[in-house]
PDB file of all heavy atoms in Angstrom:
ATOM      1  N   ASP A   1       0.835  -1.225   0.013  1.00  0.00           N
ATOM      2  CA  ASP A   1      -0.010   0.003   0.025  1.00  0.00           C
ATOM      3  C   ASP A   1       0.875   1.266  -0.006  1.00  0.00           C
ATOM      4  O   ASP A   1       1.878   1.331   0.707  1.00  0.00           O
ATOM      5  CB  ASP A   1      -0.914   0.001   1.258  1.00  0.00           C
ATOM      6  CG  ASP A   1      -1.909  -1.144   1.256  1.00  0.00           C
ATOM      7  OD1 ASP A   1      -2.138  -1.688   0.164  1.00  0.00           O
ATOM      8  OD2 ASP A   1      -2.389  -1.468   2.341  1.00  0.00           O
ATOM      9  N   HIS A   2       0.471   2.258  -0.806  1.00  0.00           N
ATOM     10  CA  HIS A   2       1.142   3.558  -0.863  1.00  0.00           C
ATOM     11  C   HIS A   2       2.562   3.471  -1.448  1.00  0.00           C
ATOM     12  O   HIS A   2       3.353   4.399  -1.220  1.00  0.00           O
ATOM     13  CB  HIS A   2       1.168   4.233   0.515  1.00  0.00           C
ATOM     14  CG  HIS A   2      -0.172   4.279   1.169  1.00  0.00           C
ATOM     15  ND1 HIS A   2      -1.223   4.999   0.698  1.00  0.00           N
ATOM     16  CD2 HIS A   2      -0.613   3.593   2.253  1.00  0.00           C
ATOM     17  CE1 HIS A   2      -2.283   4.867   1.488  1.00  0.00           C
ATOM     18  NE2 HIS A   2      -1.958   3.981   2.463  1.00  0.00           N
ATOM     19  N   ILE A   3       2.834   2.421  -2.185  1.00  0.00           N
ATOM     20  CA  ILE A   3       4.126   2.285  -2.893  1.00  0.00           C
ATOM     21  C   ILE A   3       3.838   2.167  -4.402  1.00  0.00           C
ATOM     22  O   ILE A   3       2.902   1.469  -4.770  1.00  0.00           O
ATOM     23  CB  ILE A   3       4.908   1.018  -2.423  1.00  0.00           C
ATOM     24  CG1 ILE A   3       5.195   1.125  -0.906  1.00  0.00           C
ATOM     25  CG2 ILE A   3       6.211   0.842  -3.209  1.00  0.00           C
ATOM     26  CD1 ILE A   3       6.198   2.131  -0.535  1.00  0.00           C
ATOM     27  N   GLU A   4       4.630   2.797  -5.186  1.00  0.00           N
ATOM     28  CA  GLU A   4       4.555   2.629  -6.647  1.00  0.00           C
ATOM     29  C   GLU A   4       5.674   1.668  -7.098  1.00  0.00           C
ATOM     30  O   GLU A   4       6.727   1.599  -6.465  1.00  0.00           O
ATOM     31  CB  GLU A   4       4.801   3.963  -7.377  1.00  0.00           C
ATOM     32  CG  GLU A   4       3.733   5.000  -7.096  1.00  0.00           C
ATOM     33  CD  GLU A   4       4.078   6.332  -7.745  1.00  0.00           C
ATOM     34  OE1 GLU A   4       4.886   7.068  -7.164  1.00  0.00           O
ATOM     35  OE2 GLU A   4       3.634   6.565  -8.875  1.00  0.00           O
ATOM     36  N   ALA A   5       5.422   0.931  -8.192  1.00  0.00           N
ATOM     37  CA  ALA A   5       6.452   0.053  -8.719  1.00  0.00           C
ATOM     38  C   ALA A   5       6.383   0.056 -10.258  1.00  0.00           C
ATOM     39  O   ALA A   5       5.315   0.248 -10.834  1.00  0.00           O
ATOM     40  CB  ALA A   5       6.239  -1.367  -8.183  1.00  0.00           C
ATOM     41  N   LYS A   6       7.506  -0.115 -10.862  1.00  0.00           N
ATOM     42  CA  LYS A   6       7.549  -0.252 -12.332  1.00  0.00           C
ATOM     43  C   LYS A   6       8.792  -1.155 -12.676  1.00  0.00           C
ATOM     44  O   LYS A   6       9.700  -1.324 -11.851  1.00  0.00           O
ATOM     45  CB  LYS A   6       7.724   1.085 -12.988  1.00  0.00           C
ATOM     46  CG  LYS A   6       9.037   1.831 -12.715  1.00  0.00           C
ATOM     47  CD  LYS A   6       9.098   3.141 -13.458  1.00  0.00           C
ATOM     48  CE  LYS A   6      10.429   3.920 -13.202  1.00  0.00           C
ATOM     49  NZ  LYS A   6      10.535   5.165 -13.939  1.00  0.00           N
ATOM     50  N   ILE A   7       8.725  -1.723 -13.842  1.00  0.00           N
ATOM     51  CA  ILE A   7       9.830  -2.537 -14.351  1.00  0.00           C
ATOM     52  C   ILE A   7      10.319  -1.894 -15.656  1.00  0.00           C
ATOM     53  O   ILE A   7       9.501  -1.611 -16.529  1.00  0.00           O
ATOM     54  CB  ILE A   7       9.405  -3.969 -14.599  1.00  0.00           C
ATOM     55  CG1 ILE A   7       9.024  -4.598 -13.209  1.00  0.00           C
ATOM     56  CG2 ILE A   7      10.507  -4.828 -15.242  1.00  0.00           C
ATOM     57  CD1 ILE A   7       8.441  -6.029 -13.311  1.00  0.00           C
ATOM     58  N   VAL A   8      11.633  -1.646 -15.738  1.00  0.00           N
ATOM     59  CA  VAL A   8      12.133  -0.884 -16.837  1.00  0.00           C
ATOM     60  C   VAL A   8      13.271  -1.623 -17.574  1.00  0.00           C
ATOM     61  O   VAL A   8      13.896  -2.544 -17.021  1.00  0.00           O
ATOM     62  CB  VAL A   8      12.705   0.505 -16.372  1.00  0.00           C
ATOM     63  CG1 VAL A   8      11.598   1.296 -15.715  1.00  0.00           C
ATOM     64  CG2 VAL A   8      13.908   0.304 -15.451  1.00  0.00           C
ATOM     65  N   ASP A   9      13.484  -1.252 -18.848  1.00  0.00           N
ATOM     66  CA  ASP A   9      14.615  -1.827 -19.594  1.00  0.00           C
ATOM     67  C   ASP A   9      15.860  -1.078 -19.325  1.00  0.00           C
ATOM     68  O   ASP A   9      15.932  -0.142 -18.500  1.00  0.00           O
ATOM     69  CB  ASP A   9      14.269  -1.863 -21.082  1.00  0.00           C
ATOM     70  CG  ASP A   9      14.053  -0.513 -21.697  1.00  0.00           C
ATOM     71  OD1 ASP A   9      14.513   0.504 -21.115  1.00  0.00           O
ATOM     72  OD2 ASP A   9      13.420  -0.436 -22.757  1.00  0.00           O
ATOM     73  N   GLU A  10      16.946  -1.387 -20.055  1.00  0.00           N
ATOM     74  CA  GLU A  10      18.259  -0.770 -19.793  1.00  0.00           C
ATOM     75  C   GLU A  10      18.283   0.716 -20.119  1.00  0.00           C
ATOM     76  O   GLU A  10      19.142   1.483 -19.648  1.00  0.00           O
ATOM     77  CB  GLU A  10      19.349  -1.476 -20.586  1.00  0.00           C
ATOM     78  CG  GLU A  10      19.189  -1.456 -22.041  1.00  0.00           C
ATOM     79  CD  GLU A  10      18.396  -2.613 -22.594  1.00  0.00           C
ATOM     80  OE1 GLU A  10      17.643  -3.294 -21.794  1.00  0.00           O
ATOM     81  OE2 GLU A  10      18.419  -2.883 -23.815  1.00  0.00           O
ATOM     82  N   ASN A  11      17.247   1.199 -20.853  1.00  0.00           N
ATOM     83  CA  ASN A  11      17.165   2.649 -21.174  1.00  0.00           C
ATOM     84  C   ASN A  11      16.206   3.357 -20.237  1.00  0.00           C
ATOM     85  O   ASN A  11      15.981   4.604 -20.366  1.00  0.00           O
ATOM     86  CB  ASN A  11      16.678   2.794 -22.595  1.00  0.00           C
ATOM     87  CG  ASN A  11      17.639   2.247 -23.611  1.00  0.00           C
ATOM     88  OD1 ASN A  11      18.880   2.403 -23.492  1.00  0.00           O
ATOM     89  ND2 ASN A  11      17.166   1.491 -24.602  1.00  0.00           N
ATOM     90  N   GLY A  12      15.666   2.646 -19.259  1.00  0.00           N
ATOM     91  CA  GLY A  12      14.718   3.277 -18.278  1.00  0.00           C
ATOM     92  C   GLY A  12      13.298   3.373 -18.728  1.00  0.00           C
ATOM     93  O   GLY A  12      12.488   3.935 -18.024  1.00  0.00           O
ATOM     94  N   ALA A  13      12.961   2.738 -19.878  1.00  0.00           N
ATOM     95  CA  ALA A  13      11.570   2.716 -20.367  1.00  0.00           C
ATOM     96  C   ALA A  13      10.826   1.564 -19.726  1.00  0.00           C
ATOM     97  O   ALA A  13      11.346   0.435 -19.609  1.00  0.00           O
ATOM     98  CB  ALA A  13      11.570   2.598 -21.862  1.00  0.00           C
ATOM     99  N   ILE A  14       9.551   1.789 -19.372  1.00  0.00           N
ATOM    100  CA  ILE A  14       8.738   0.753 -18.761  1.00  0.00           C
ATOM    101  C   ILE A  14       8.468  -0.370 -19.801  1.00  0.00           C
ATOM    102  O   ILE A  14       8.127  -0.069 -20.979  1.00  0.00           O
ATOM    103  CB  ILE A  14       7.390   1.321 -18.258  1.00  0.00           C
ATOM    104  CG1 ILE A  14       7.647   2.346 -17.136  1.00  0.00           C
ATOM    105  CG2 ILE A  14       6.469   0.217 -17.810  1.00  0.00           C
ATOM    106  CD1 ILE A  14       6.426   3.037 -16.656  1.00  0.00           C
ATOM    107  N   VAL A  15       8.657  -1.602 -19.385  1.00  0.00           N
ATOM    108  CA  VAL A  15       8.461  -2.756 -20.276  1.00  0.00           C
ATOM    109  C   VAL A  15       7.030  -3.261 -20.147  1.00  0.00           C
ATOM    110  O   VAL A  15       6.314  -2.987 -19.156  1.00  0.00           O
ATOM    111  CB  VAL A  15       9.433  -3.900 -19.944  1.00  0.00           C
ATOM    112  CG1 VAL A  15      10.885  -3.408 -20.083  1.00  0.00           C
ATOM    113  CG2 VAL A  15       9.210  -4.454 -18.542  1.00  0.00           C
ATOM    114  N   PRO A  16       6.547  -3.962 -21.186  1.00  0.00           N
ATOM    115  CA  PRO A  16       5.166  -4.515 -21.110  1.00  0.00           C
ATOM    116  C   PRO A  16       5.038  -5.605 -20.021  1.00  0.00           C
ATOM    117  O   PRO A  16       6.049  -6.176 -19.586  1.00  0.00           O
ATOM    118  CB  PRO A  16       4.959  -5.117 -22.502  1.00  0.00           C
ATOM    119  CG  PRO A  16       6.014  -4.469 -23.371  1.00  0.00           C
ATOM    120  CD  PRO A  16       7.178  -4.186 -22.475  1.00  0.00           C
ATOM    121  N   VAL A  17       3.827  -5.911 -19.651  1.00  0.00           N
ATOM    122  CA  VAL A  17       3.521  -6.999 -18.726  1.00  0.00           C
ATOM    123  C   VAL A  17       4.163  -8.286 -19.301  1.00  0.00           C
ATOM    124  O   VAL A  17       4.057  -8.560 -20.488  1.00  0.00           O
ATOM    125  CB  VAL A  17       1.996  -7.185 -18.558  1.00  0.00           C
ATOM    126  CG1 VAL A  17       1.689  -8.505 -17.917  1.00  0.00           C
ATOM    127  CG2 VAL A  17       1.438  -6.041 -17.747  1.00  0.00           C
ATOM    128  N   GLY A  18       4.781  -9.072 -18.453  1.00  0.00           N
ATOM    129  CA  GLY A  18       5.372 -10.332 -18.841  1.00  0.00           C
ATOM    130  C   GLY A  18       6.780 -10.219 -19.350  1.00  0.00           C
ATOM    131  O   GLY A  18       7.428 -11.257 -19.688  1.00  0.00           O
ATOM    132  N   VAL A  19       7.329  -9.026 -19.429  1.00  0.00           N
ATOM    133  CA  VAL A  19       8.716  -8.831 -19.958  1.00  0.00           C
ATOM    134  C   VAL A  19       9.629  -8.513 -18.787  1.00  0.00           C
ATOM    135  O   VAL A  19       9.286  -7.745 -17.902  1.00  0.00           O
ATOM    136  CB  VAL A  19       8.754  -7.690 -21.015  1.00  0.00           C
ATOM    137  CG1 VAL A  19      10.177  -7.404 -21.414  1.00  0.00           C
ATOM    138  CG2 VAL A  19       7.890  -8.023 -22.216  1.00  0.00           C
ATOM    139  N   THR A  20      10.843  -9.139 -18.804  1.00  0.00           N
ATOM    140  CA  THR A  20      11.780  -8.954 -17.717  1.00  0.00           C
ATOM    141  C   THR A  20      12.492  -7.619 -17.827  1.00  0.00           C
ATOM    142  O   THR A  20      12.856  -7.159 -18.934  1.00  0.00           O
ATOM    143  CB  THR A  20      12.821 -10.115 -17.740  1.00  0.00           C
ATOM    144  OG1 THR A  20      12.111 -11.336 -17.550  1.00  0.00           O
ATOM    145  CG2 THR A  20      13.841  -9.947 -16.664  1.00  0.00           C
ATOM    146  N   GLY A  21      12.756  -6.994 -16.706  1.00  0.00           N
ATOM    147  CA  GLY A  21      13.518  -5.735 -16.604  1.00  0.00           C
ATOM    148  C   GLY A  21      13.956  -5.515 -15.170  1.00  0.00           C
ATOM    149  O   GLY A  21      13.808  -6.388 -14.308  1.00  0.00           O
ATOM    150  N   GLU A  22      14.489  -4.325 -14.919  1.00  0.00           N
ATOM    151  CA  GLU A  22      14.874  -3.968 -13.554  1.00  0.00           C
ATOM    152  C   GLU A  22      13.686  -3.378 -12.773  1.00  0.00           C
ATOM    153  O   GLU A  22      13.000  -2.478 -13.243  1.00  0.00           O
ATOM    154  CB  GLU A  22      16.023  -2.967 -13.585  1.00  0.00           C
ATOM    155  CG  GLU A  22      16.471  -2.629 -12.123  1.00  0.00           C
ATOM    156  CD  GLU A  22      17.719  -1.723 -12.070  1.00  0.00           C
ATOM    157  OE1 GLU A  22      18.209  -1.318 -13.178  1.00  0.00           O
ATOM    158  OE2 GLU A  22      18.172  -1.428 -10.970  1.00  0.00           O
ATOM    159  N   LEU A  23      13.507  -3.893 -11.559  1.00  0.00           N
ATOM    160  CA  LEU A  23      12.365  -3.441 -10.721  1.00  0.00           C
ATOM    161  C   LEU A  23      12.739  -2.157 -10.040  1.00  0.00           C
ATOM    162  O   LEU A  23      13.882  -2.013  -9.481  1.00  0.00           O
ATOM    163  CB  LEU A  23      12.077  -4.492  -9.680  1.00  0.00           C
ATOM    164  CG  LEU A  23      10.988  -4.134  -8.661  1.00  0.00           C
ATOM    165  CD1 LEU A  23       9.640  -3.907  -9.322  1.00  0.00           C
ATOM    166  CD2 LEU A  23      10.870  -5.238  -7.566  1.00  0.00           C
ATOM    167  N   CYS A  24      11.861  -1.157 -10.107  1.00  0.00           N
ATOM    168  CA  CYS A  24      12.072   0.156  -9.436  1.00  0.00           C
ATOM    169  C   CYS A  24      10.849   0.423  -8.532  1.00  0.00           C
ATOM    170  O   CYS A  24       9.697   0.013  -8.903  1.00  0.00           O
ATOM    171  CB  CYS A  24      12.158   1.260 -10.428  1.00  0.00           C
ATOM    172  SG  CYS A  24      13.453   1.056 -11.688  1.00  0.00           S
ATOM    173  N   THR A  25      11.044   1.044  -7.430  1.00  0.00           N
ATOM    174  CA  THR A  25       9.974   1.390  -6.532  1.00  0.00           C
ATOM    175  C   THR A  25      10.066   2.842  -6.051  1.00  0.00           C
ATOM    176  O   THR A  25      11.158   3.433  -6.103  1.00  0.00           O
ATOM    177  CB  THR A  25       9.931   0.465  -5.264  1.00  0.00           C
ATOM    178  OG1 THR A  25      11.132   0.677  -4.537  1.00  0.00           O
ATOM    179  CG2 THR A  25       9.764  -0.959  -5.633  1.00  0.00           C
ATOM    180  N   ARG A  26       8.970   3.395  -5.640  1.00  0.00           N
ATOM    181  CA  ARG A  26       8.904   4.797  -5.194  1.00  0.00           C
ATOM    182  C   ARG A  26       7.855   4.970  -4.138  1.00  0.00           C
ATOM    183  O   ARG A  26       6.770   4.358  -4.256  1.00  0.00           O
ATOM    184  CB  ARG A  26       8.656   5.723  -6.356  1.00  0.00           C
ATOM    185  CG  ARG A  26       8.656   7.228  -5.982  1.00  0.00           C
ATOM    186  CD  ARG A  26       8.640   8.115  -7.240  1.00  0.00           C
ATOM    187  NE  ARG A  26       7.401   8.050  -7.996  1.00  0.00           N
ATOM    188  CZ  ARG A  26       7.171   8.823  -9.068  1.00  0.00           C
ATOM    189  NH1 ARG A  26       8.094   9.642  -9.518  1.00  0.00           N
ATOM    190  NH2 ARG A  26       6.055   8.728  -9.741  1.00  0.00           N
ATOM    191  N   GLY A  27       8.120   5.800  -3.102  1.00  0.00           N
ATOM    192  CA  GLY A  27       7.091   5.980  -2.082  1.00  0.00           C
ATOM    193  C   GLY A  27       7.748   6.314  -0.772  1.00  0.00           C
ATOM    194  O   GLY A  27       8.920   6.571  -0.626  1.00  0.00           O
ATOM    195  N   TYR A  28       6.859   6.303   0.296  1.00  0.00           N
ATOM    196  CA  TYR A  28       7.302   6.699   1.632  1.00  0.00           C
ATOM    197  C   TYR A  28       8.425   5.876   2.188  1.00  0.00           C
ATOM    198  O   TYR A  28       9.196   6.313   3.040  1.00  0.00           O
ATOM    199  CB  TYR A  28       6.120   6.584   2.621  1.00  0.00           C
ATOM    200  CG  TYR A  28       5.801   5.117   2.951  1.00  0.00           C
ATOM    201  CD1 TYR A  28       6.508   4.469   3.985  1.00  0.00           C
ATOM    202  CD2 TYR A  28       4.854   4.367   2.284  1.00  0.00           C
ATOM    203  CE1 TYR A  28       6.285   3.169   4.297  1.00  0.00           C
ATOM    204  CE2 TYR A  28       4.610   3.048   2.560  1.00  0.00           C
ATOM    205  CZ  TYR A  28       5.323   2.429   3.564  1.00  0.00           C
ATOM    206  OH  TYR A  28       5.131   1.128   3.843  1.00  0.00           O
ATOM    207  N   SER A  29       8.606   4.615   1.676  1.00  0.00           N
ATOM    208  CA  SER A  29       9.587   3.693   2.278  1.00  0.00           C
ATOM    209  C   SER A  29      11.024   3.989   1.811  1.00  0.00           C
ATOM    210  O   SER A  29      11.949   3.462   2.406  1.00  0.00           O
ATOM    211  CB  SER A  29       9.192   2.268   1.999  1.00  0.00           C
ATOM    212  OG  SER A  29       9.366   1.945   0.618  1.00  0.00           O
ATOM    213  N   THR A  30      11.187   4.736   0.721  1.00  0.00           N
ATOM    214  CA  THR A  30      12.538   4.930   0.189  1.00  0.00           C
ATOM    215  C   THR A  30      13.405   5.691   1.172  1.00  0.00           C
ATOM    216  O   THR A  30      13.037   6.748   1.695  1.00  0.00           O
ATOM    217  CB  THR A  30      12.500   5.685  -1.156  1.00  0.00           C
ATOM    218  OG1 THR A  30      11.643   4.982  -2.068  1.00  0.00           O
ATOM    219  CG2 THR A  30      13.847   5.845  -1.764  1.00  0.00           C
ATOM    220  N   MET A  31      14.589   5.174   1.413  1.00  0.00           N
ATOM    221  CA  MET A  31      15.519   5.799   2.405  1.00  0.00           C
ATOM    222  C   MET A  31      15.787   7.236   2.088  1.00  0.00           C
ATOM    223  O   MET A  31      15.589   7.705   0.944  1.00  0.00           O
ATOM    224  CB  MET A  31      16.819   4.988   2.433  1.00  0.00           C
ATOM    225  CG  MET A  31      17.622   5.098   1.106  1.00  0.00           C
ATOM    226  SD  MET A  31      19.216   4.335   1.197  1.00  0.00           S
ATOM    227  CE  MET A  31      19.806   4.573  -0.512  1.00  0.00           C
ATOM    228  N   LEU A  32      16.297   8.002   3.050  1.00  0.00           N
ATOM    229  CA  LEU A  32      16.707   9.324   2.815  1.00  0.00           C
ATOM    230  C   LEU A  32      17.950   9.365   1.923  1.00  0.00           C
ATOM    231  O   LEU A  32      18.139  10.333   1.150  1.00  0.00           O
ATOM    232  CB  LEU A  32      17.014  10.039   4.134  1.00  0.00           C
ATOM    233  CG  LEU A  32      15.849  10.157   5.129  1.00  0.00           C
ATOM    234  CD1 LEU A  32      16.247  10.850   6.375  1.00  0.00           C
ATOM    235  CD2 LEU A  32      14.643  10.841   4.496  1.00  0.00           C
ATOM    236  N   GLY A  33      18.785   8.337   2.006  1.00  0.00           N
ATOM    237  CA  GLY A  33      19.992   8.241   1.168  1.00  0.00           C
ATOM    238  C   GLY A  33      21.026   7.458   1.909  1.00  0.00           C
ATOM    239  O   GLY A  33      20.826   6.983   3.045  1.00  0.00           O
ATOM    240  N   TYR A  34      22.217   7.281   1.322  1.00  0.00           N
ATOM    241  CA  TYR A  34      23.333   6.644   1.996  1.00  0.00           C
ATOM    242  C   TYR A  34      24.103   7.722   2.790  1.00  0.00           C
ATOM    243  O   TYR A  34      24.344   8.821   2.266  1.00  0.00           O
ATOM    244  CB  TYR A  34      24.270   5.995   0.978  1.00  0.00           C
ATOM    245  CG  TYR A  34      23.683   4.818   0.279  1.00  0.00           C
ATOM    246  CD1 TYR A  34      23.671   4.743  -1.131  1.00  0.00           C
ATOM    247  CD2 TYR A  34      23.193   3.712   0.969  1.00  0.00           C
ATOM    248  CE1 TYR A  34      23.149   3.664  -1.790  1.00  0.00           C
ATOM    249  CE2 TYR A  34      22.649   2.634   0.351  1.00  0.00           C
ATOM    250  CZ  TYR A  34      22.627   2.618  -1.069  1.00  0.00           C
ATOM    251  OH  TYR A  34      22.103   1.528  -1.718  1.00  0.00           O
ATOM    252  N   TRP A  35      24.445   7.433   3.989  1.00  0.00           N
ATOM    253  CA  TRP A  35      25.052   8.398   4.914  1.00  0.00           C
ATOM    254  C   TRP A  35      26.319   8.945   4.323  1.00  0.00           C
ATOM    255  O   TRP A  35      27.303   8.196   4.036  1.00  0.00           O
ATOM    256  CB  TRP A  35      25.323   7.734   6.259  1.00  0.00           C
ATOM    257  CG  TRP A  35      25.874   8.606   7.300  1.00  0.00           C
ATOM    258  CD1 TRP A  35      27.192   8.627   7.745  1.00  0.00           C
ATOM    259  CD2 TRP A  35      25.170   9.554   8.101  1.00  0.00           C
ATOM    260  NE1 TRP A  35      27.349   9.575   8.729  1.00  0.00           N
ATOM    261  CE2 TRP A  35      26.128  10.141   8.986  1.00  0.00           C
ATOM    262  CE3 TRP A  35      23.862   9.963   8.164  1.00  0.00           C
ATOM    263  CZ2 TRP A  35      25.755  11.125   9.909  1.00  0.00           C
ATOM    264  CZ3 TRP A  35      23.482  10.964   9.051  1.00  0.00           C
ATOM    265  CH2 TRP A  35      24.432  11.525   9.940  1.00  0.00           C
ATOM    266  N   LYS A  36      26.403  10.258   4.156  1.00  0.00           N
ATOM    267  CA  LYS A  36      27.538  10.968   3.629  1.00  0.00           C
ATOM    268  C   LYS A  36      28.103  10.355   2.372  1.00  0.00           C
ATOM    269  O   LYS A  36      29.319  10.166   2.243  1.00  0.00           O
ATOM    270  CB  LYS A  36      28.655  11.008   4.732  1.00  0.00           C
ATOM    271  CG  LYS A  36      28.217  11.832   5.977  1.00  0.00           C
ATOM    272  CD  LYS A  36      29.343  11.892   7.017  1.00  0.00           C
ATOM    273  CE  LYS A  36      28.922  12.767   8.192  1.00  0.00           C
ATOM    274  NZ  LYS A  36      29.975  12.859   9.238  1.00  0.00           N
ATOM    275  N   ASP A  37      27.216  10.030   1.445  1.00  0.00           N
ATOM    276  CA  ASP A  37      27.668   9.358   0.200  1.00  0.00           C
ATOM    277  C   ASP A  37      26.700   9.697  -0.906  1.00  0.00           C
ATOM    278  O   ASP A  37      25.872   8.871  -1.345  1.00  0.00           O
ATOM    279  CB  ASP A  37      27.770   7.857   0.418  1.00  0.00           C
ATOM    280  CG  ASP A  37      28.654   7.185  -0.658  1.00  0.00           C
ATOM    281  OD1 ASP A  37      28.819   7.796  -1.768  1.00  0.00           O
ATOM    282  OD2 ASP A  37      29.184   6.127  -0.373  1.00  0.00           O
ATOM    283  N   GLU A  38      26.747  10.932  -1.347  1.00  0.00           N
ATOM    284  CA  GLU A  38      25.826  11.435  -2.358  1.00  0.00           C
ATOM    285  C   GLU A  38      26.027  10.695  -3.698  1.00  0.00           C
ATOM    286  O   GLU A  38      25.046  10.455  -4.434  1.00  0.00           O
ATOM    287  CB  GLU A  38      25.971  12.947  -2.580  1.00  0.00           C
ATOM    288  CG  GLU A  38      25.528  13.772  -1.403  1.00  0.00           C
ATOM    289  CD  GLU A  38      25.599  15.242  -1.669  1.00  0.00           C
ATOM    290  OE1 GLU A  38      25.887  15.627  -2.868  1.00  0.00           O
ATOM    291  OE2 GLU A  38      25.443  16.057  -0.759  1.00  0.00           O
TER     292      GLU A  38
END
C-alpha cells in the first residue's frame, strides 16, 4: 500500500507485462539516502 512500482529496460523505459527488466519502486519507504555518500 502507498508504494509505486515499475519494471524498466536498460534505457529506463517501462516494459510490457510479462517482460523482464529492472524493478524500481517509489514511495514513503525509500531511504533518505546513503550516509555521507551522495
